C-alpha atoms as a PDB file:
ATOM      1  CA  MET A   1      17.611-100.653  15.713  1.00  0.00           C
ATOM      2  CA  THR A   2      16.682 -97.061  16.448  1.00  0.00           C
ATOM      3  CA  ALA A   3      13.648 -95.315  14.987  1.00  0.00           C
ATOM      4  CA  THR A   4      13.720 -91.550  14.734  1.00  0.00           C
ATOM      5  CA  HIS A   5      11.341 -89.439  12.626  1.00  0.00           C
ATOM      6  CA  PHE A   6       9.834 -90.944   9.503  1.00  0.00           C
ATOM      7  CA  ALA A   7       6.632 -90.717   7.522  1.00  0.00           C
ATOM      8  CA  ARG A   8       3.662 -92.789   8.604  1.00  0.00           C
ATOM      9  CA  GLY A   9       2.617 -95.583   6.274  1.00  0.00           C
ATOM     10  CA  GLU A  10       4.532 -98.290   4.493  1.00  0.00           C
ATOM     11  CA  ILE A  11       7.768 -97.595   6.353  1.00  0.00           C
ATOM     12  CA  SER A  12       6.111 -98.677   9.617  1.00  0.00           C
ATOM     13  CA  GLY A  13       5.359-102.102   8.201  1.00  0.00           C
ATOM     14  CA  LEU A  14       8.813-102.366   6.690  1.00  0.00           C
ATOM     15  CA  LEU A  15      10.520-101.520   9.980  1.00  0.00           C
ATOM     16  CA  ALA A  16       8.288-103.935  11.899  1.00  0.00           C
ATOM     17  CA  ARG A  17       8.989-106.786   9.464  1.00  0.00           C
ATOM     18  CA  LEU A  18      12.724-106.040   9.493  1.00  0.00           C
ATOM     19  CA  ALA A  19      12.862-106.017  13.290  1.00  0.00           C
ATOM     20  CA  VAL A  20      10.944-109.305  13.499  1.00  0.00           C
ATOM     21  CA  ALA A  21      13.191-110.957  10.896  1.00  0.00           C
ATOM     22  CA  LEU A  22      16.314-109.805  12.741  1.00  0.00           C
ATOM     23  CA  GLY A  23      14.965-110.563  16.210  1.00  0.00           C
ATOM     24  CA  ALA A  24      15.707-106.912  16.960  1.00  0.00           C
ATOM     25  CA  ALA A  25      14.256-104.501  19.468  1.00  0.00           C
ATOM     26  CA  VAL A  26      13.188-101.054  18.332  1.00  0.00           C
ATOM     27  CA  LEU A  27      14.421 -98.230  20.532  1.00  0.00           C
ATOM     28  CA  PRO A  28      12.404 -95.057  19.951  1.00  0.00           C
ATOM     29  CA  GLN A  29      14.029 -91.811  21.044  1.00  0.00           C
ATOM     30  CA  ASP A  30      11.327 -91.312  23.661  1.00  0.00           C
ATOM     31  CA  GLY A  31       9.950 -94.396  25.346  1.00  0.00           C
ATOM     32  CA  GLY A  32      10.793 -97.959  26.163  1.00  0.00           C
ATOM     33  CA  ALA A  33      12.092-100.687  23.906  1.00  0.00           C
ATOM     34  CA  LEU A  34       9.586-102.302  21.570  1.00  0.00           C
ATOM     35  CA  ILE A  35       9.873-106.062  21.146  1.00  0.00           C
ATOM     36  CA  PHE A  36       7.734-108.469  19.175  1.00  0.00           C
ATOM     37  CA  HIS A  37       8.045-111.616  21.303  1.00  0.00           C
ATOM     38  CA  GLU A  38       8.274-111.895  25.099  1.00  0.00           C
ATOM     39  CA  GLU A  39      11.312-114.188  24.905  1.00  0.00           C
ATOM     40  CA  GLU A  40      13.294-111.320  23.325  1.00  0.00           C
ATOM     41  CA  ARG A  41      13.149-109.425  26.648  1.00  0.00           C
ATOM     42  CA  ARG A  42      15.989-111.527  28.079  1.00  0.00           C
ATOM     43  CA  HIS A  43      18.343-110.271  25.359  1.00  0.00           C
ATOM     44  CA  LEU A  44      17.879-106.625  26.328  1.00  0.00           C
ATOM     45  CA  PRO A  45      20.268-104.832  28.655  1.00  0.00           C
ATOM     46  CA  ALA A  46      18.980-104.906  32.256  1.00  0.00           C
ATOM     47  CA  ALA A  47      18.118-101.199  32.165  1.00  0.00           C
ATOM     48  CA  LEU A  48      15.670-101.764  29.267  1.00  0.00           C
ATOM     49  CA  ARG A  49      14.000-105.034  30.296  1.00  0.00           C
ATOM     50  CA  ASP A  50      11.321-103.761  32.684  1.00  0.00           C
ATOM     51  CA  GLY A  51      10.150-100.970  30.392  1.00  0.00           C
ATOM     52  CA  ALA A  52      10.060-103.054  27.201  1.00  0.00           C
ATOM     53  CA  VAL A  53       6.666-103.401  25.528  1.00  0.00           C
ATOM     54  CA  VAL A  54       5.642-106.436  23.481  1.00  0.00           C
ATOM     55  CA  ILE A  55       3.685-105.416  20.380  1.00  0.00           C
ATOM     56  CA  ALA A  56       2.154-107.273  17.460  1.00  0.00           C
ATOM     57  CA  PRO A  57       4.414-107.359  14.380  1.00  0.00           C
ATOM     58  CA  THR A  58       2.103-105.218  12.257  1.00  0.00           C
ATOM     59  CA  ALA A  59       2.442-101.754  10.777  1.00  0.00           C
ATOM     60  CA  ASP A  60      -0.572-100.481  12.739  1.00  0.00           C
ATOM     61  CA  ALA A  61       0.681-101.800  16.102  1.00  0.00           C
ATOM     62  CA  PHE A  62       4.178-100.490  15.419  1.00  0.00           C
ATOM     63  CA  GLN A  63       2.919 -97.015  14.459  1.00  0.00           C
ATOM     64  CA  ALA A  64       0.579 -96.891  17.492  1.00  0.00           C
ATOM     65  CA  ALA A  65       3.440 -97.834  19.819  1.00  0.00           C
ATOM     66  CA  LEU A  66       5.668 -95.121  18.349  1.00  0.00           C
ATOM     67  CA  GLU A  67       2.921 -92.522  18.672  1.00  0.00           C
ATOM     68  CA  GLY A  68       2.461 -93.497  22.310  1.00  0.00           C
ATOM     69  CA  CYS A  69       6.109 -92.760  23.121  1.00  0.00           C
END
């Protein structure tokens, strides 16, 4: 799942919940992969594993991680 530019707010929570439900990583355009559980790291391609960041599955944590990219 790739996140590009979108409005802050409800969409952040929606994307976080969707990614958690799918067991998906979020790949911002700038920055490392965002995962919601450490065990998901092993499913990432080798090039993304070390830079992946585990975040809480909340809208606020998701938005903060995207802003930090």
